[in-house]
Amino acid sequence: MVNKSQKENDPVTEEEFKAFEAVRISGVINMWDTRTVSELSGGVLTRKRAVKVIEQYKTLKEQYPDVRRSQ
């Protein structure tokens, strides 16, 4: 569930990256459709946090390498 106290500038968490990857791997939507990404993430990501993941995707892949392997 979206943490209402989560600030836009806070680092992306592993949980958020996992949720993003699950939606991405499903292949059902364009990842820039952040409204749908947020909905399909089960409430883990807000629209702004989804954009943050997109912008930092390369770094997050390196930071959380096990997330991509587990998908």
PDB file of N, CA and C in Angstrom:
ATOM      1  N   MET A   1       0.837  -1.176   0.000  1.00  0.00           N
ATOM      2  CA  MET A   1       0.000   0.000   0.000  1.00  0.00           C
ATOM      3  C   MET A   1       0.883   1.241   0.000  1.00  0.00           C
ATOM      4  N   VAL A   2       0.418   2.266  -0.648  1.00  0.00           N
ATOM      5  CA  VAL A   2       1.181   3.508  -0.734  1.00  0.00           C
ATOM      6  C   VAL A   2       1.349   4.098   0.655  1.00  0.00           C
ATOM      7  N   ASN A   3       2.589   4.403   0.984  1.00  0.00           N
ATOM      8  CA  ASN A   3       2.891   5.042   2.256  1.00  0.00           C
ATOM      9  C   ASN A   3       2.698   6.540   2.066  1.00  0.00           C
ATOM     10  N   LYS A   4       1.674   7.081   2.686  1.00  0.00           N
ATOM     11  CA  LYS A   4       1.341   8.497   2.496  1.00  0.00           C
ATOM     12  C   LYS A   4       2.463   9.418   2.947  1.00  0.00           C
ATOM     13  N   SER A   5       3.314   8.938   3.861  1.00  0.00           N
ATOM     14  CA  SER A   5       4.422   9.775   4.319  1.00  0.00           C
ATOM     15  C   SER A   5       5.633   9.685   3.393  1.00  0.00           C
ATOM     16  N   GLN A   6       5.563   8.788   2.405  1.00  0.00           N
ATOM     17  CA  GLN A   6       6.668   8.645   1.442  1.00  0.00           C
ATOM     18  C   GLN A   6       6.829   9.950   0.692  1.00  0.00           C
ATOM     19  N   LYS A   7       8.007  10.486   0.737  1.00  0.00           N
ATOM     20  CA  LYS A   7       8.272  11.739   0.062  1.00  0.00           C
ATOM     21  C   LYS A   7       8.851  11.471  -1.317  1.00  0.00           C
ATOM     22  N   GLU A   8       8.542  12.353  -2.234  1.00  0.00           N
ATOM     23  CA  GLU A   8       8.995  12.190  -3.612  1.00  0.00           C
ATOM     24  C   GLU A   8      10.514  12.064  -3.706  1.00  0.00           C
ATOM     25  N   ASN A   9      11.238  12.732  -2.826  1.00  0.00           N
ATOM     26  CA  ASN A   9      12.694  12.706  -2.889  1.00  0.00           C
ATOM     27  C   ASN A   9      13.325  11.531  -2.161  1.00  0.00           C
ATOM     28  N   ASP A  10      12.529  10.737  -1.457  1.00  0.00           N
ATOM     29  CA  ASP A  10      13.072   9.560  -0.782  1.00  0.00           C
ATOM     30  C   ASP A  10      13.570   8.555  -1.815  1.00  0.00           C
ATOM     31  N   PRO A  11      14.583   7.771  -1.464  1.00  0.00           N
ATOM     32  CA  PRO A  11      15.066   6.746  -2.401  1.00  0.00           C
ATOM     33  C   PRO A  11      13.972   5.727  -2.709  1.00  0.00           C
ATOM     34  N   VAL A  12      14.018   5.178  -3.901  1.00  0.00           N
ATOM     35  CA  VAL A  12      13.084   4.129  -4.299  1.00  0.00           C
ATOM     36  C   VAL A  12      13.432   2.879  -3.492  1.00  0.00           C
ATOM     37  N   THR A  13      12.423   2.270  -2.906  1.00  0.00           N
ATOM     38  CA  THR A  13      12.642   1.076  -2.096  1.00  0.00           C
ATOM     39  C   THR A  13      12.649  -0.178  -2.966  1.00  0.00           C
ATOM     40  N   GLU A  14      13.175  -1.245  -2.406  1.00  0.00           N
ATOM     41  CA  GLU A  14      13.164  -2.518  -3.115  1.00  0.00           C
ATOM     42  C   GLU A  14      11.723  -2.960  -3.393  1.00  0.00           C
ATOM     43  N   GLU A  15      10.842  -2.736  -2.440  1.00  0.00           N
ATOM     44  CA  GLU A  15       9.429  -3.091  -2.622  1.00  0.00           C
ATOM     45  C   GLU A  15       8.827  -2.353  -3.822  1.00  0.00           C
ATOM     46  N   GLU A  16       9.135  -1.072  -3.947  1.00  0.00           N
ATOM     47  CA  GLU A  16       8.621  -0.292  -5.075  1.00  0.00           C
ATOM     48  C   GLU A  16       9.195  -0.800  -6.395  1.00  0.00           C
ATOM     49  N   PHE A  17      10.488  -1.104  -6.400  1.00  0.00           N
ATOM     50  CA  PHE A  17      11.106  -1.602  -7.626  1.00  0.00           C
ATOM     51  C   PHE A  17      10.525  -2.962  -8.006  1.00  0.00           C
ATOM     52  N   LYS A  18      10.283  -3.826  -7.020  1.00  0.00           N
ATOM     53  CA  LYS A  18       9.666  -5.127  -7.294  1.00  0.00           C
ATOM     54  C   LYS A  18       8.283  -4.954  -7.919  1.00  0.00           C
ATOM     55  N   ALA A  19       7.501  -4.045  -7.358  1.00  0.00           N
ATOM     56  CA  ALA A  19       6.158  -3.806  -7.884  1.00  0.00           C
ATOM     57  C   ALA A  19       6.224  -3.291  -9.314  1.00  0.00           C
ATOM     58  N   PHE A  20       7.158  -2.381  -9.576  1.00  0.00           N
ATOM     59  CA  PHE A  20       7.326  -1.833 -10.920  1.00  0.00           C
ATOM     60  C   PHE A  20       7.718  -2.946 -11.889  1.00  0.00           C
ATOM     61  N   GLU A  21       8.684  -3.774 -11.493  1.00  0.00           N
ATOM     62  CA  GLU A  21       9.148  -4.865 -12.355  1.00  0.00           C
ATOM     63  C   GLU A  21       8.039  -5.864 -12.659  1.00  0.00           C
ATOM     64  N   ALA A  22       7.214  -6.161 -11.677  1.00  0.00           N
ATOM     65  CA  ALA A  22       6.109  -7.090 -11.895  1.00  0.00           C
ATOM     66  C   ALA A  22       5.158  -6.561 -12.960  1.00  0.00           C
ATOM     67  N   VAL A  23       4.870  -5.272 -12.904  1.00  0.00           N
ATOM     68  CA  VAL A  23       3.996  -4.665 -13.919  1.00  0.00           C
ATOM     69  C   VAL A  23       4.706  -4.649 -15.268  1.00  0.00           C
ATOM     70  N   ARG A  24       5.981  -4.271 -15.287  1.00  0.00           N
ATOM     71  CA  ARG A  24       6.735  -4.188 -16.542  1.00  0.00           C
ATOM     72  C   ARG A  24       6.800  -5.544 -17.235  1.00  0.00           C
ATOM     73  N   ILE A  25       7.107  -6.576 -16.478  1.00  0.00           N
ATOM     74  CA  ILE A  25       7.259  -7.909 -17.051  1.00  0.00           C
ATOM     75  C   ILE A  25       5.934  -8.457 -17.559  1.00  0.00           C
ATOM     76  N   SER A  26       4.837  -8.022 -16.975  1.00  0.00           N
ATOM     77  CA  SER A  26       3.532  -8.488 -17.450  1.00  0.00           C
ATOM     78  C   SER A  26       3.298  -8.092 -18.901  1.00  0.00           C
ATOM     79  N   GLY A  27       3.897  -6.969 -19.303  1.00  0.00           N
ATOM     80  CA  GLY A  27       3.807  -6.534 -20.690  1.00  0.00           C
ATOM     81  C   GLY A  27       2.438  -6.022 -21.109  1.00  0.00           C
ATOM     82  N   VAL A  28       1.561  -5.768 -20.177  1.00  0.00           N
ATOM     83  CA  VAL A  28       0.200  -5.400 -20.543  1.00  0.00           C
ATOM     84  C   VAL A  28       0.004  -3.917 -20.838  1.00  0.00           C
ATOM     85  N   ILE A  29       0.966  -3.069 -20.423  1.00  0.00           N
ATOM     86  CA  ILE A  29       0.779  -1.638 -20.631  1.00  0.00           C
ATOM     87  C   ILE A  29       2.085  -0.947 -20.978  1.00  0.00           C
ATOM     88  N   ASN A  30       1.954   0.267 -21.459  1.00  0.00           N
ATOM     89  CA  ASN A  30       3.087   1.157 -21.641  1.00  0.00           C
ATOM     90  C   ASN A  30       3.450   1.685 -20.265  1.00  0.00           C
ATOM     91  N   MET A  31       4.708   1.550 -19.863  1.00  0.00           N
ATOM     92  CA  MET A  31       5.105   1.921 -18.507  1.00  0.00           C
ATOM     93  C   MET A  31       4.984   3.420 -18.241  1.00  0.00           C
ATOM     94  N   TRP A  32       4.889   4.225 -19.273  1.00  0.00           N
ATOM     95  CA  TRP A  32       4.678   5.665 -19.067  1.00  0.00           C
ATOM     96  C   TRP A  32       3.230   5.977 -18.715  1.00  0.00           C
ATOM     97  N   ASP A  33       2.357   4.975 -18.789  1.00  0.00           N
ATOM     98  CA  ASP A  33       0.975   5.132 -18.325  1.00  0.00           C
ATOM     99  C   ASP A  33       0.998   4.937 -16.805  1.00  0.00           C
ATOM    100  N   THR A  34       1.505   5.944 -16.116  1.00  0.00           N
ATOM    101  CA  THR A  34       1.778   5.807 -14.693  1.00  0.00           C
ATOM    102  C   THR A  34       0.523   5.621 -13.852  1.00  0.00           C
ATOM    103  N   ARG A  35      -0.596   6.078 -14.326  1.00  0.00           N
ATOM    104  CA  ARG A  35      -1.850   5.857 -13.596  1.00  0.00           C
ATOM    105  C   ARG A  35      -2.136   4.350 -13.523  1.00  0.00           C
ATOM    106  N   THR A  36      -2.007   3.675 -14.661  1.00  0.00           N
ATOM    107  CA  THR A  36      -2.258   2.240 -14.683  1.00  0.00           C
ATOM    108  C   THR A  36      -1.153   1.477 -13.957  1.00  0.00           C
ATOM    109  N   VAL A  37       0.091   1.917 -14.086  1.00  0.00           N
ATOM    110  CA  VAL A  37       1.186   1.285 -13.349  1.00  0.00           C
ATOM    111  C   VAL A  37       0.883   1.336 -11.857  1.00  0.00           C
ATOM    112  N   SER A  38       0.445   2.479 -11.385  1.00  0.00           N
ATOM    113  CA  SER A  38       0.096   2.630  -9.973  1.00  0.00           C
ATOM    114  C   SER A  38      -1.012   1.661  -9.578  1.00  0.00           C
ATOM    115  N   GLU A  39      -2.043   1.571 -10.382  1.00  0.00           N
ATOM    116  CA  GLU A  39      -3.157   0.667 -10.088  1.00  0.00           C
ATOM    117  C   GLU A  39      -2.701  -0.789 -10.086  1.00  0.00           C
ATOM    118  N   LEU A  40      -1.919  -1.175 -11.101  1.00  0.00           N
ATOM    119  CA  LEU A  40      -1.481  -2.561 -11.221  1.00  0.00           C
ATOM    120  C   LEU A  40      -0.415  -2.940 -10.199  1.00  0.00           C
ATOM    121  N   SER A  41       0.197  -1.953  -9.575  1.00  0.00           N
ATOM    122  CA  SER A  41       1.216  -2.251  -8.559  1.00  0.00           C
ATOM    123  C   SER A  41       0.578  -2.646  -7.232  1.00  0.00           C
ATOM    124  N   GLY A  42      -0.719  -2.668  -7.195  1.00  0.00           N
ATOM    125  CA  GLY A  42      -1.405  -3.027  -5.968  1.00  0.00           C
ATOM    126  C   GLY A  42      -1.320  -1.949  -4.911  1.00  0.00           C
ATOM    127  N   GLY A  43      -1.125  -0.730  -5.359  1.00  0.00           N
ATOM    128  CA  GLY A  43      -1.059   0.379  -4.428  1.00  0.00           C
ATOM    129  C   GLY A  43       0.318   0.634  -3.847  1.00  0.00           C
ATOM    130  N   VAL A  44       1.326  -0.089  -4.323  1.00  0.00           N
ATOM    131  CA  VAL A  44       2.691   0.116  -3.822  1.00  0.00           C
ATOM    132  C   VAL A  44       3.273   1.412  -4.367  1.00  0.00           C
ATOM    133  N   LEU A  45       2.975   1.718  -5.618  1.00  0.00           N
ATOM    134  CA  LEU A  45       3.532   2.902  -6.276  1.00  0.00           C
ATOM    135  C   LEU A  45       2.487   3.981  -6.498  1.00  0.00           C
ATOM    136  N   THR A  46       2.883   5.219  -6.290  1.00  0.00           N
ATOM    137  CA  THR A  46       2.079   6.347  -6.742  1.00  0.00           C
ATOM    138  C   THR A  46       2.529   6.649  -8.162  1.00  0.00           C
ATOM    139  N   ARG A  47       1.828   7.513  -8.824  1.00  0.00           N
ATOM    140  CA  ARG A  47       2.230   7.908 -10.175  1.00  0.00           C
ATOM    141  C   ARG A  47       3.611   8.556 -10.161  1.00  0.00           C
ATOM    142  N   LYS A  48       3.847   9.438  -9.178  1.00  0.00           N
ATOM    143  CA  LYS A  48       5.145  10.126  -9.093  1.00  0.00           C
ATOM    144  C   LYS A  48       6.270   9.149  -8.805  1.00  0.00           C
ATOM    145  N   ARG A  49       6.006   8.151  -7.960  1.00  0.00           N
ATOM    146  CA  ARG A  49       7.047   7.169  -7.644  1.00  0.00           C
ATOM    147  C   ARG A  49       7.330   6.286  -8.862  1.00  0.00           C
ATOM    148  N   ALA A  50       6.321   5.986  -9.676  1.00  0.00           N
ATOM    149  CA  ALA A  50       6.541   5.213 -10.894  1.00  0.00           C
ATOM    150  C   ALA A  50       7.447   5.973 -11.856  1.00  0.00           C
ATOM    151  N   VAL A  51       7.228   7.277 -11.979  1.00  0.00           N
ATOM    152  CA  VAL A  51       8.093   8.101 -12.832  1.00  0.00           C
ATOM    153  C   VAL A  51       9.524   8.089 -12.281  1.00  0.00           C
ATOM    154  N   LYS A  52       9.645   8.146 -10.979  1.00  0.00           N
ATOM    155  CA  LYS A  52      10.977   8.127 -10.369  1.00  0.00           C
ATOM    156  C   LYS A  52      11.695   6.808 -10.692  1.00  0.00           C
ATOM    157  N   VAL A  53      10.975   5.698 -10.647  1.00  0.00           N
ATOM    158  CA  VAL A  53      11.574   4.411 -11.010  1.00  0.00           C
ATOM    159  C   VAL A  53      12.019   4.443 -12.469  1.00  0.00           C
ATOM    160  N   ILE A  54      11.186   4.950 -13.352  1.00  0.00           N
ATOM    161  CA  ILE A  54      11.545   5.034 -14.772  1.00  0.00           C
ATOM    162  C   ILE A  54      12.814   5.854 -14.944  1.00  0.00           C
ATOM    163  N   GLU A  55      12.872   6.986 -14.281  1.00  0.00           N
ATOM    164  CA  GLU A  55      14.029   7.873 -14.426  1.00  0.00           C
ATOM    165  C   GLU A  55      15.305   7.253 -13.858  1.00  0.00           C
ATOM    166  N   GLN A  56      15.179   6.398 -12.862  1.00  0.00           N
ATOM    167  CA  GLN A  56      16.347   5.816 -12.203  1.00  0.00           C
ATOM    168  C   GLN A  56      16.513   4.329 -12.499  1.00  0.00           C
ATOM    169  N   TYR A  57      15.861   3.848 -13.548  1.00  0.00           N
ATOM    170  CA  TYR A  57      15.784   2.408 -13.802  1.00  0.00           C
ATOM    171  C   TYR A  57      17.157   1.735 -13.867  1.00  0.00           C
ATOM    172  N   LYS A  58      18.083   2.301 -14.586  1.00  0.00           N
ATOM    173  CA  LYS A  58      19.409   1.682 -14.728  1.00  0.00           C
ATOM    174  C   LYS A  58      20.085   1.538 -13.363  1.00  0.00           C
ATOM    175  N   THR A  59      20.047   2.576 -12.569  1.00  0.00           N
ATOM    176  CA  THR A  59      20.646   2.543 -11.235  1.00  0.00           C
ATOM    177  C   THR A  59      19.947   1.527 -10.344  1.00  0.00           C
ATOM    178  N   LEU A  60      18.626   1.464 -10.424  1.00  0.00           N
ATOM    179  CA  LEU A  60      17.868   0.533  -9.586  1.00  0.00           C
ATOM    180  C   LEU A  60      18.125  -0.921  -9.972  1.00  0.00           C
ATOM    181  N   LYS A  61      18.327  -1.196 -11.261  1.00  0.00           N
ATOM    182  CA  LYS A  61      18.683  -2.552 -11.693  1.00  0.00           C
ATOM    183  C   LYS A  61      19.977  -2.988 -11.025  1.00  0.00           C
ATOM    184  N   GLU A  62      20.928  -2.061 -10.939  1.00  0.00           N
ATOM    185  CA  GLU A  62      22.208  -2.367 -10.315  1.00  0.00           C
ATOM    186  C   GLU A  62      22.084  -2.449  -8.791  1.00  0.00           C
ATOM    187  N   GLN A  63      21.262  -1.595  -8.220  1.00  0.00           N
ATOM    188  CA  GLN A  63      21.085  -1.554  -6.769  1.00  0.00           C
ATOM    189  C   GLN A  63      20.342  -2.788  -6.255  1.00  0.00           C
ATOM    190  N   TYR A  64      19.377  -3.273  -7.013  1.00  0.00           N
ATOM    191  CA  TYR A  64      18.553  -4.408  -6.615  1.00  0.00           C
ATOM    192  C   TYR A  64      18.617  -5.516  -7.679  1.00  0.00           C
ATOM    193  N   PRO A  65      19.795  -6.114  -7.899  1.00  0.00           N
ATOM    194  CA  PRO A  65      19.922  -7.094  -8.986  1.00  0.00           C
ATOM    195  C   PRO A  65      19.061  -8.342  -8.785  1.00  0.00           C
ATOM    196  N   ASP A  66      18.784  -8.718  -7.557  1.00  0.00           N
ATOM    197  CA  ASP A  66      17.984  -9.912  -7.295  1.00  0.00           C
ATOM    198  C   ASP A  66      16.521  -9.748  -7.689  1.00  0.00           C
ATOM    199  N   VAL A  67      16.058  -8.515  -7.755  1.00  0.00           N
ATOM    200  CA  VAL A  67      14.660  -8.276  -8.134  1.00  0.00           C
ATOM    201  C   VAL A  67      14.418  -8.765  -9.553  1.00  0.00           C
ATOM    202  N   ARG A  68      15.278  -8.440 -10.459  1.00  0.00           N
ATOM    203  CA  ARG A  68      15.080  -8.846 -11.853  1.00  0.00           C
ATOM    204  C   ARG A  68      15.255 -10.349 -12.002  1.00  0.00           C
ATOM    205  N   ARG A  69      16.139 -10.946 -11.243  1.00  0.00           N
ATOM    206  CA  ARG A  69      16.357 -12.396 -11.319  1.00  0.00           C
ATOM    207  C   ARG A  69      15.169 -13.171 -10.788  1.00  0.00           C
ATOM    208  N   SER A  70      14.457 -12.601  -9.846  1.00  0.00           N
ATOM    209  CA  SER A  70      13.349 -13.317  -9.212  1.00  0.00           C
ATOM    210  C   SER A  70      12.048 -13.212  -9.994  1.00  0.00           C
ATOM    211  N   GLN A  71      12.005 -12.379 -10.992  1.00  0.00           N
ATOM    212  CA  GLN A  71      10.763 -12.166 -11.738  1.00  0.00           C
ATOM    213  C   GLN A  71      10.496 -13.283 -12.699  1.00  0.00           C
TER     214      GLN A  71
END
